[in-house]
Amino acid sequence: MSNVYMDDQKNKLWPMSAKLNYELRYEEKELVEKALIKRANILSKLQLLLTITTNN
């Protein structure tokens, strides 16, 4: 997922966030570079939590 942020492939980002049940606000969709990477960290943690809870 972080590769999507690093490569600025926003067209792939929105469906990925939707799969995690994390709806990005308009302001978040306008983020670029470092701010977008910070958001990636949050989504990655959400993805990890989802994986852990699903496996237990």
C-alpha atoms as a PDB file:
ATOM      1  CA  MET A   1       0.000   0.000   0.000  1.00  0.00           C
ATOM      2  CA  SER A   2       2.783   2.420   0.777  1.00  0.00           C
ATOM      3  CA  ASN A   3       4.120   1.990  -2.773  1.00  0.00           C
ATOM      4  CA  VAL A   4       0.885   3.476  -4.028  1.00  0.00           C
ATOM      5  CA  TYR A   5       1.490   6.580  -1.933  1.00  0.00           C
ATOM      6  CA  MET A   6       5.130   6.863  -2.894  1.00  0.00           C
ATOM      7  CA  ASP A   7       4.391   6.575  -6.608  1.00  0.00           C
ATOM      8  CA  ASP A   8       1.441   8.969  -6.318  1.00  0.00           C
ATOM      9  CA  GLN A   9      -0.948   6.427  -7.835  1.00  0.00           C
ATOM     10  CA  LYS A  10      -4.052   7.976  -6.358  1.00  0.00           C
ATOM     11  CA  ASN A  11      -6.367   6.139  -8.746  1.00  0.00           C
ATOM     12  CA  LYS A  12      -5.426   2.930  -6.876  1.00  0.00           C
ATOM     13  CA  LEU A  13      -5.493   4.547  -3.455  1.00  0.00           C
ATOM     14  CA  TRP A  14      -9.213   5.276  -3.241  1.00  0.00           C
ATOM     15  CA  PRO A  15     -10.378   1.670  -3.847  1.00  0.00           C
ATOM     16  CA  MET A  16      -7.770   0.371  -1.384  1.00  0.00           C
ATOM     17  CA  SER A  17      -8.972   2.697   1.351  1.00  0.00           C
ATOM     18  CA  ALA A  18     -12.588   1.737   0.631  1.00  0.00           C
ATOM     19  CA  LYS A  19     -11.714  -1.950   1.118  1.00  0.00           C
ATOM     20  CA  LEU A  20     -10.435  -1.032   4.577  1.00  0.00           C
ATOM     21  CA  ASN A  21     -13.723   0.752   5.297  1.00  0.00           C
ATOM     22  CA  TYR A  22     -11.825   4.019   5.538  1.00  0.00           C
ATOM     23  CA  GLU A  23     -13.544   6.702   3.530  1.00  0.00           C
ATOM     24  CA  LEU A  24     -11.136   9.466   2.587  1.00  0.00           C
ATOM     25  CA  ARG A  25     -12.407  13.000   2.992  1.00  0.00           C
ATOM     26  CA  TYR A  26     -12.030  15.481   0.145  1.00  0.00           C
ATOM     27  CA  GLU A  27      -9.171  17.213   1.980  1.00  0.00           C
ATOM     28  CA  GLU A  28      -7.317  13.922   2.329  1.00  0.00           C
ATOM     29  CA  LYS A  29      -7.700  13.198  -1.369  1.00  0.00           C
ATOM     30  CA  GLU A  30      -5.911  16.465  -2.111  1.00  0.00           C
ATOM     31  CA  LEU A  31      -2.844  15.552  -0.039  1.00  0.00           C
ATOM     32  CA  VAL A  32       0.472  15.088  -1.804  1.00  0.00           C
ATOM     33  CA  GLU A  33       3.951  13.819  -0.999  1.00  0.00           C
ATOM     34  CA  LYS A  34       4.809  13.909   2.741  1.00  0.00           C
ATOM     35  CA  ALA A  35       1.271  14.575   3.920  1.00  0.00           C
ATOM     36  CA  LEU A  36       0.018  11.700   1.802  1.00  0.00           C
ATOM     37  CA  ILE A  37       2.701   9.398   3.183  1.00  0.00           C
ATOM     38  CA  LYS A  38       1.626  10.265   6.735  1.00  0.00           C
ATOM     39  CA  ARG A  39      -1.908   9.247   5.795  1.00  0.00           C
ATOM     40  CA  ALA A  40      -0.466   6.019   4.371  1.00  0.00           C
ATOM     41  CA  ASN A  41       0.952   5.165   7.778  1.00  0.00           C
ATOM     42  CA  ILE A  42      -2.497   5.448   9.324  1.00  0.00           C
ATOM     43  CA  LEU A  43      -4.084   3.293   6.629  1.00  0.00           C
ATOM     44  CA  SER A  44      -1.312   0.703   6.895  1.00  0.00           C
ATOM     45  CA  LYS A  45      -1.931   0.410  10.625  1.00  0.00           C
ATOM     46  CA  LEU A  46      -5.641   0.001   9.944  1.00  0.00           C
ATOM     47  CA  GLN A  47      -4.859  -2.733   7.442  1.00  0.00           C
ATOM     48  CA  LEU A  48      -2.649  -4.517   9.971  1.00  0.00           C
ATOM     49  CA  LEU A  49      -5.321  -4.320  12.668  1.00  0.00           C
ATOM     50  CA  LEU A  50      -7.907  -5.662  10.272  1.00  0.00           C
ATOM     51  CA  THR A  51      -5.635  -8.580   9.381  1.00  0.00           C
ATOM     52  CA  ILE A  52      -4.937  -9.393  13.019  1.00  0.00           C
ATOM     53  CA  THR A  53      -8.579  -9.292  14.081  1.00  0.00           C
ATOM     54  CA  THR A  54      -9.697 -11.348  11.089  1.00  0.00           C
ATOM     55  CA  ASN A  55      -7.151 -14.079  11.803  1.00  0.00           C
ATOM     56  CA  ASN A  56      -8.163 -14.443  15.458  1.00  0.00           C
END
